Protein backbone atom coordinates (compact mmCIF):
# COMPACT_ATOMS: atom_id res chain seq x y z
CA MET A 1 118.15 120.35 130.96
CA ILE A 2 118.17 120.66 134.73
CA SER A 3 117.45 124.14 136.02
CA ALA A 4 117.52 123.41 139.75
CA LEU A 5 118.41 120.71 142.25
CA ALA A 6 117.62 120.85 145.94
CA SER A 7 119.22 119.33 148.99
CA ASN A 8 117.58 119.74 152.37
CA SER A 9 119.14 119.40 155.80
CA GLU A 10 117.28 119.05 159.05
CA GLY A 11 117.52 122.30 160.95
CA ALA A 12 116.08 125.70 161.61
CA ASP A 13 116.99 129.17 160.43
CA ASP A 14 118.39 130.15 163.82
CA ILE A 15 119.99 126.90 165.02
CA PRO A 16 123.59 126.30 163.89
CA TYR A 17 124.20 123.32 161.65
CA THR A 18 126.50 120.52 162.81
CA SER A 19 129.87 119.55 161.39
CA ALA A 20 128.30 116.32 160.16
CA GLN A 21 125.62 118.26 158.29
CA TYR A 22 128.20 120.47 156.56
CA ALA A 23 130.31 117.43 155.64
CA GLY A 24 127.29 115.53 154.33
CA LEU A 25 126.07 118.49 152.31
CA ALA A 26 129.57 119.00 150.90
CA ARG A 27 129.80 115.34 149.82
CA VAL A 28 126.38 115.49 148.14
CA SER A 29 127.30 118.81 146.50
CA LEU A 30 130.57 117.40 145.16
CA ALA A 31 128.79 114.35 143.73
CA LEU A 32 126.25 116.59 142.00
CA MET A 33 128.98 118.90 140.70
CA ARG A 34 130.82 115.93 139.21
CA GLU A 35 127.65 114.55 137.59
CA TYR A 36 126.50 117.97 136.34
CA PRO A 37 129.57 120.07 135.48
CA ALA A 38 127.46 123.21 134.94
CA ILE A 39 127.00 123.34 138.72
CA SER A 40 129.69 125.52 140.25
CA MET A 41 130.07 127.08 143.68
CA ARG A 42 128.75 130.39 142.42
CA ARG A 43 125.56 128.65 141.28
CA ILE A 44 124.88 127.03 144.65
CA VAL A 45 122.40 129.18 146.57
CA GLY A 46 119.84 128.82 149.33
CA HIS A 47 116.10 128.48 148.92
CA ALA A 48 115.82 132.01 150.31
CA ASP A 49 117.75 133.24 147.26
CA ILE A 50 115.39 131.49 144.86
CA ALA A 51 112.10 132.31 146.58
CA PRO A 52 112.63 135.29 148.90
CA GLY A 53 109.65 136.00 151.11
CA ARG A 54 108.38 132.45 150.65
CA LYS A 55 111.43 130.46 151.75
CA SER A 56 113.95 131.35 154.44
CA ASP A 57 116.29 128.37 154.48
CA PRO A 58 119.01 127.69 155.10
CA GLY A 59 118.76 130.78 157.32
CA ALA A 60 121.15 133.06 159.13
CA ALA A 61 122.64 130.20 161.13
CA PHE A 62 124.00 128.55 157.98
CA ASP A 63 127.69 129.36 157.62
CA TRP A 64 128.25 129.64 153.87
CA ASP A 65 131.99 130.27 154.31
CA LEU A 66 132.34 127.10 156.37
CA TYR A 67 130.31 125.10 153.85
CA ARG A 68 132.51 126.31 151.00
CA ALA A 69 135.66 125.52 153.00
CA VAL A 70 134.44 122.00 153.81
CA LEU A 71 133.47 121.46 150.18
CA ALA A 72 136.91 122.62 149.00
CA LYS A 73 138.66 120.39 151.55
CA ILE A 74 136.68 117.30 150.51
CA ALA A 75 137.24 118.10 146.81
CA ARG A 76 141.01 118.37 147.41
CA SER A 77 141.00 115.10 149.34
CA VAL A 78 139.16 113.29 146.58
CA ALA A 79 141.47 114.77 143.91
CA HIS A 80 144.53 113.77 145.94
CA ARG A 81 143.29 110.17 146.36
CA THR A 82 142.38 109.97 142.66
CA ALA A 83 145.72 111.39 141.54
CA GLY A 84 147.60 109.11 143.92
CA GLY A 85 145.78 106.01 142.75
CA ALA A 86 144.45 105.18 146.22
CA GLN A 87 141.54 102.79 146.30
């Protein structure tokens, strides 16, 4: 049984993440969610949520709403390609 998985992005708590970082994290997240169906959006949290006071990432500069939107967009795109039979 897996109780936690971690993905780290280069950055700092107060420096905004790039579009490429959000897209990359979303792709990795989607792959993990497909491999481990128990992982859902509500179960994806930051290190700061797991170890408050000891960890601060991803920090205030991380836009959770944007991450979730990018993840949803990539998931829809993959589902559309799969349903359409695209290679």
